[in-house]
Amino acid sequence: MTYTTWQLGDRVVGGMIAMGDDWP
């Protein structure tokens, strides 16, 4: 699956997932 990380400069500070049709 495609997963997105949030970058602040060269550091990873969090993540993001896309809510698809499988989400209620």
PDB file of all heavy atoms in Angstrom:
ATOM      1  N   MET A   1       0.838  -1.191   0.000  1.00  0.00           N
ATOM      2  CA  MET A   1       0.000   0.000   0.000  1.00  0.00           C
ATOM      3  C   MET A   1       0.874   1.242   0.000  1.00  0.00           C
ATOM      4  O   MET A   1       2.048   1.194   0.366  1.00  0.00           O
ATOM      5  CB  MET A   1      -0.918   0.029   1.226  1.00  0.00           C
ATOM      6  CG  MET A   1      -0.181   0.082   2.546  1.00  0.00           C
ATOM      7  SD  MET A   1      -1.234   0.396   3.986  1.00  0.00           S
ATOM      8  CE  MET A   1      -1.531   2.145   3.806  1.00  0.00           C
ATOM      9  N   THR A   2       0.307   2.343  -0.464  1.00  0.00           N
ATOM     10  CA  THR A   2       1.030   3.614  -0.463  1.00  0.00           C
ATOM     11  C   THR A   2       0.864   4.276   0.895  1.00  0.00           C
ATOM     12  O   THR A   2      -0.259   4.489   1.363  1.00  0.00           O
ATOM     13  CB  THR A   2       0.508   4.552  -1.561  1.00  0.00           C
ATOM     14  OG1 THR A   2       0.687   3.931  -2.833  1.00  0.00           O
ATOM     15  CG2 THR A   2       1.248   5.877  -1.539  1.00  0.00           C
ATOM     16  N   TYR A   3       1.981   4.565   1.522  1.00  0.00           N
ATOM     17  CA  TYR A   3       1.959   5.233   2.827  1.00  0.00           C
ATOM     18  C   TYR A   3       2.768   6.522   2.708  1.00  0.00           C
ATOM     19  O   TYR A   3       3.821   6.543   2.065  1.00  0.00           O
ATOM     20  CB  TYR A   3       2.557   4.341   3.910  1.00  0.00           C
ATOM     21  CG  TYR A   3       2.350   4.883   5.302  1.00  0.00           C
ATOM     22  CD1 TYR A   3       1.153   4.689   5.969  1.00  0.00           C
ATOM     23  CD2 TYR A   3       3.339   5.613   5.943  1.00  0.00           C
ATOM     24  CE1 TYR A   3       0.940   5.197   7.241  1.00  0.00           C
ATOM     25  CE2 TYR A   3       3.159   6.123   7.217  1.00  0.00           C
ATOM     26  CZ  TYR A   3       1.955   5.907   7.862  1.00  0.00           C
ATOM     27  OH  TYR A   3       1.748   6.434   9.124  1.00  0.00           O
ATOM     28  N   THR A   4       2.272   7.582   3.330  1.00  0.00           N
ATOM     29  CA  THR A   4       2.932   8.882   3.263  1.00  0.00           C
ATOM     30  C   THR A   4       3.484   9.248   4.623  1.00  0.00           C
ATOM     31  O   THR A   4       2.780   9.161   5.634  1.00  0.00           O
ATOM     32  CB  THR A   4       1.946   9.968   2.804  1.00  0.00           C
ATOM     33  OG1 THR A   4       1.465   9.643   1.489  1.00  0.00           O
ATOM     34  CG2 THR A   4       2.613  11.338   2.758  1.00  0.00           C
ATOM     35  N   THR A   5       4.737   9.652   4.655  1.00  0.00           N
ATOM     36  CA  THR A   5       5.322  10.177   5.886  1.00  0.00           C
ATOM     37  C   THR A   5       5.450  11.688   5.772  1.00  0.00           C
ATOM     38  O   THR A   5       5.670  12.236   4.686  1.00  0.00           O
ATOM     39  CB  THR A   5       6.699   9.563   6.179  1.00  0.00           C
ATOM     40  OG1 THR A   5       7.556   9.744   5.038  1.00  0.00           O
ATOM     41  CG2 THR A   5       6.578   8.094   6.499  1.00  0.00           C
ATOM     42  N   TRP A   6       5.284  12.351   6.905  1.00  0.00           N
ATOM     43  CA  TRP A   6       5.471  13.800   6.975  1.00  0.00           C
ATOM     44  C   TRP A   6       6.917  14.082   7.353  1.00  0.00           C
ATOM     45  O   TRP A   6       7.409  13.593   8.367  1.00  0.00           O
ATOM     46  CB  TRP A   6       4.547  14.416   8.026  1.00  0.00           C
ATOM     47  CG  TRP A   6       3.087  14.278   7.732  1.00  0.00           C
ATOM     48  CD1 TRP A   6       2.170  13.555   8.426  1.00  0.00           C
ATOM     49  CD2 TRP A   6       2.354  14.918   6.673  1.00  0.00           C
ATOM     50  NE1 TRP A   6       0.926  13.684   7.864  1.00  0.00           N
ATOM     51  CE2 TRP A   6       1.006  14.516   6.793  1.00  0.00           C
ATOM     52  CE3 TRP A   6       2.723  15.778   5.633  1.00  0.00           C
ATOM     53  CZ2 TRP A   6       0.016  14.949   5.909  1.00  0.00           C
ATOM     54  CZ3 TRP A   6       1.734  16.211   4.757  1.00  0.00           C
ATOM     55  CH2 TRP A   6       0.408  15.811   4.900  1.00  0.00           C
ATOM     56  N   GLN A   7       7.588  14.879   6.533  1.00  0.00           N
ATOM     57  CA  GLN A   7       8.988  15.214   6.753  1.00  0.00           C
ATOM     58  C   GLN A   7       9.099  16.678   7.200  1.00  0.00           C
ATOM     59  O   GLN A   7       8.482  17.567   6.612  1.00  0.00           O
ATOM     60  CB  GLN A   7       9.791  15.039   5.463  1.00  0.00           C
ATOM     61  CG  GLN A   7       9.666  13.675   4.812  1.00  0.00           C
ATOM     62  CD  GLN A   7      10.677  12.689   5.332  1.00  0.00           C
ATOM     63  OE1 GLN A   7      10.441  11.489   5.313  1.00  0.00           O
ATOM     64  NE2 GLN A   7      11.816  13.188   5.796  1.00  0.00           N
ATOM     65  N   LEU A   8       9.899  16.902   8.226  1.00  0.00           N
ATOM     66  CA  LEU A   8      10.260  18.254   8.652  1.00  0.00           C
ATOM     67  C   LEU A   8      11.761  18.371   8.472  1.00  0.00           C
ATOM     68  O   LEU A   8      12.538  17.898   9.297  1.00  0.00           O
ATOM     69  CB  LEU A   8       9.859  18.483  10.115  1.00  0.00           C
ATOM     70  CG  LEU A   8      10.099  19.884  10.682  1.00  0.00           C
ATOM     71  CD1 LEU A   8       9.219  20.914   9.979  1.00  0.00           C
ATOM     72  CD2 LEU A   8       9.845  19.918  12.182  1.00  0.00           C
ATOM     73  N   GLY A   9      12.161  18.963   7.354  1.00  0.00           N
ATOM     74  CA  GLY A   9      13.572  18.908   6.992  1.00  0.00           C
ATOM     75  C   GLY A   9      13.934  17.468   6.674  1.00  0.00           C
ATOM     76  O   GLY A   9      13.288  16.819   5.857  1.00  0.00           O
ATOM     77  N   ASP A  10      14.934  16.941   7.371  1.00  0.00           N
ATOM     78  CA  ASP A  10      15.343  15.562   7.122  1.00  0.00           C
ATOM     79  C   ASP A  10      14.783  14.590   8.158  1.00  0.00           C
ATOM     80  O   ASP A  10      15.180  13.429   8.206  1.00  0.00           O
ATOM     81  CB  ASP A  10      16.874  15.455   7.095  1.00  0.00           C
ATOM     82  CG  ASP A  10      17.519  15.917   8.403  1.00  0.00           C
ATOM     83  OD1 ASP A  10      16.789  16.385   9.302  1.00  0.00           O
ATOM     84  OD2 ASP A  10      18.753  15.813   8.526  1.00  0.00           O
ATOM     85  N   ARG A  11      13.833  15.056   8.990  1.00  0.00           N
ATOM     86  CA  ARG A  11      13.261  14.196  10.026  1.00  0.00           C
ATOM     87  C   ARG A  11      11.840  13.793   9.664  1.00  0.00           C
ATOM     88  O   ARG A  11      11.064  14.600   9.146  1.00  0.00           O
ATOM     89  CB  ARG A  11      13.239  14.910  11.381  1.00  0.00           C
ATOM     90  CG  ARG A  11      14.624  15.174  11.951  1.00  0.00           C
ATOM     91  CD  ARG A  11      14.535  15.616  13.411  1.00  0.00           C
ATOM     92  NE  ARG A  11      13.668  16.776  13.565  1.00  0.00           N
ATOM     93  CZ  ARG A  11      12.545  16.775  14.269  1.00  0.00           C
ATOM     94  NH1 ARG A  11      12.107  15.674  14.856  1.00  0.00           N
ATOM     95  NH2 ARG A  11      11.832  17.885  14.387  1.00  0.00           N
ATOM     96  N   VAL A  12      11.476  12.552   9.977  1.00  0.00           N
ATOM     97  CA  VAL A  12      10.102  12.089   9.846  1.00  0.00           C
ATOM     98  C   VAL A  12       9.369  12.422  11.143  1.00  0.00           C
ATOM     99  O   VAL A  12       9.830  12.052  12.232  1.00  0.00           O
ATOM    100  CB  VAL A  12      10.053  10.577   9.576  1.00  0.00           C
ATOM    101  CG1 VAL A  12       8.614  10.084   9.545  1.00  0.00           C
ATOM    102  CG2 VAL A  12      10.754  10.245   8.271  1.00  0.00           C
ATOM    103  N   VAL A  13       8.224  13.108  11.056  1.00  0.00           N
ATOM    104  CA  VAL A  13       7.504  13.531  12.258  1.00  0.00           C
ATOM    105  C   VAL A  13       6.095  12.946  12.357  1.00  0.00           C
ATOM    106  O   VAL A  13       5.404  13.171  13.355  1.00  0.00           O
ATOM    107  CB  VAL A  13       7.428  15.075  12.339  1.00  0.00           C
ATOM    108  CG1 VAL A  13       8.826  15.671  12.483  1.00  0.00           C
ATOM    109  CG2 VAL A  13       6.714  15.661  11.128  1.00  0.00           C
ATOM    110  N   GLY A  14       5.639  12.203  11.353  1.00  0.00           N
ATOM    111  CA  GLY A  14       4.304  11.614  11.411  1.00  0.00           C
ATOM    112  C   GLY A  14       3.980  10.927  10.107  1.00  0.00           C
ATOM    113  O   GLY A  14       4.832  10.781   9.221  1.00  0.00           O
ATOM    114  N   GLY A  15       2.731  10.474  10.000  1.00  0.00           N
ATOM    115  CA  GLY A  15       2.329   9.746   8.810  1.00  0.00           C
ATOM    116  C   GLY A  15       0.938  10.115   8.339  1.00  0.00           C
ATOM    117  O   GLY A  15       0.202  10.850   9.016  1.00  0.00           O
ATOM    118  N   MET A  16       0.576   9.607   7.162  1.00  0.00           N
ATOM    119  CA  MET A  16      -0.749   9.834   6.592  1.00  0.00           C
ATOM    120  C   MET A  16      -1.175   8.622   5.795  1.00  0.00           C
ATOM    121  O   MET A  16      -0.373   8.054   5.038  1.00  0.00           O
ATOM    122  CB  MET A  16      -0.753  11.077   5.687  1.00  0.00           C
ATOM    123  CG  MET A  16      -2.082  11.344   5.001  1.00  0.00           C
ATOM    124  SD  MET A  16      -2.139  12.898   4.065  1.00  0.00           S
ATOM    125  CE  MET A  16      -0.925  12.596   2.772  1.00  0.00           C
ATOM    126  N   ILE A  17      -2.430   8.223   5.952  1.00  0.00           N
ATOM    127  CA  ILE A  17      -3.013   7.172   5.130  1.00  0.00           C
ATOM    128  C   ILE A  17      -4.261   7.724   4.446  1.00  0.00           C
ATOM    129  O   ILE A  17      -4.966   8.578   4.999  1.00  0.00           O
ATOM    130  CB  ILE A  17      -3.371   5.923   5.952  1.00  0.00           C
ATOM    131  CG1 ILE A  17      -4.308   6.260   7.113  1.00  0.00           C
ATOM    132  CG2 ILE A  17      -2.120   5.233   6.459  1.00  0.00           C
ATOM    133  CD1 ILE A  17      -4.808   5.047   7.856  1.00  0.00           C
ATOM    134  N   ALA A  18      -4.503   7.243   3.240  1.00  0.00           N
ATOM    135  CA  ALA A  18      -5.703   7.634   2.493  1.00  0.00           C
ATOM    136  C   ALA A  18      -6.852   6.723   2.888  1.00  0.00           C
ATOM    137  O   ALA A  18      -6.700   5.489   2.928  1.00  0.00           O
ATOM    138  CB  ALA A  18      -5.443   7.545   0.990  1.00  0.00           C
ATOM    139  N   MET A  19      -8.000   7.313   3.186  1.00  0.00           N
ATOM    140  CA  MET A  19      -9.195   6.543   3.541  1.00  0.00           C
ATOM    141  C   MET A  19      -9.910   6.140   2.252  1.00  0.00           C
ATOM    142  O   MET A  19     -10.445   6.985   1.541  1.00  0.00           O
ATOM    143  CB  MET A  19     -10.115   7.379   4.433  1.00  0.00           C
ATOM    144  CG  MET A  19      -9.453   7.839   5.719  1.00  0.00           C
ATOM    145  SD  MET A  19     -10.473   9.023   6.656  1.00  0.00           S
ATOM    146  CE  MET A  19     -11.799   7.945   7.244  1.00  0.00           C
ATOM    147  N   GLY A  20      -9.876   4.856   1.945  1.00  0.00           N
ATOM    148  CA  GLY A  20     -10.501   4.361   0.725  1.00  0.00           C
ATOM    149  C   GLY A  20     -11.925   3.898   0.945  1.00  0.00           C
ATOM    150  O   GLY A  20     -12.549   4.160   1.987  1.00  0.00           O
ATOM    151  N   ASP A  21     -12.444   3.155  -0.026  1.00  0.00           N
ATOM    152  CA  ASP A  21     -13.830   2.675   0.046  1.00  0.00           C
ATOM    153  C   ASP A  21     -14.041   1.648   1.148  1.00  0.00           C
ATOM    154  O   ASP A  21     -15.185   1.375   1.534  1.00  0.00           O
ATOM    155  CB  ASP A  21     -14.244   2.063  -1.299  1.00  0.00           C
ATOM    156  CG  ASP A  21     -14.279   3.094  -2.423  1.00  0.00           C
ATOM    157  OD1 ASP A  21     -14.421   4.291  -2.093  1.00  0.00           O
ATOM    158  OD2 ASP A  21     -14.165   2.710  -3.590  1.00  0.00           O
ATOM    159  N   ASP A  22     -12.943   1.072   1.663  1.00  0.00           N
ATOM    160  CA  ASP A  22     -13.085   0.083   2.729  1.00  0.00           C
ATOM    161  C   ASP A  22     -13.328   0.721   4.088  1.00  0.00           C
ATOM    162  O   ASP A  22     -13.644   0.036   5.064  1.00  0.00           O
ATOM    163  CB  ASP A  22     -11.843  -0.809   2.788  1.00  0.00           C
ATOM    164  CG  ASP A  22     -10.555  -0.004   2.925  1.00  0.00           C
ATOM    165  OD1 ASP A  22     -10.508   1.137   2.422  1.00  0.00           O
ATOM    166  OD2 ASP A  22      -9.595  -0.507   3.525  1.00  0.00           O
ATOM    167  N   TRP A  23     -13.194   2.050   4.172  1.00  0.00           N
ATOM    168  CA  TRP A  23     -13.484   2.751   5.421  1.00  0.00           C
ATOM    169  C   TRP A  23     -14.988   3.022   5.511  1.00  0.00           C
ATOM    170  O   TRP A  23     -15.591   3.487   4.543  1.00  0.00           O
ATOM    171  CB  TRP A  23     -12.737   4.079   5.482  1.00  0.00           C
ATOM    172  CG  TRP A  23     -11.265   3.932   5.755  1.00  0.00           C
ATOM    173  CD1 TRP A  23     -10.303   3.507   4.891  1.00  0.00           C
ATOM    174  CD2 TRP A  23     -10.596   4.224   6.979  1.00  0.00           C
ATOM    175  NE1 TRP A  23      -9.075   3.521   5.486  1.00  0.00           N
ATOM    176  CE2 TRP A  23      -9.213   3.958   6.773  1.00  0.00           C
ATOM    177  CE3 TRP A  23     -11.004   4.705   8.228  1.00  0.00           C
ATOM    178  CZ2 TRP A  23      -8.261   4.145   7.775  1.00  0.00           C
ATOM    179  CZ3 TRP A  23     -10.056   4.887   9.214  1.00  0.00           C
ATOM    180  CH2 TRP A  23      -8.699   4.607   8.991  1.00  0.00           C
ATOM    181  N   PRO A  24     -15.616   2.772   6.656  1.00  0.00           N
ATOM    182  CA  PRO A  24     -17.044   3.106   6.804  1.00  0.00           C
ATOM    183  C   PRO A  24     -17.268   4.596   6.556  1.00  0.00           C
ATOM    184  O   PRO A  24     -16.482   5.438   7.022  1.00  0.00           O
ATOM    185  CB  PRO A  24     -17.345   2.733   8.260  1.00  0.00           C
ATOM    186  CG  PRO A  24     -16.309   1.731   8.626  1.00  0.00           C
ATOM    187  CD  PRO A  24     -15.070   2.129   7.865  1.00  0.00           C
TER     188      PRO A  24
END
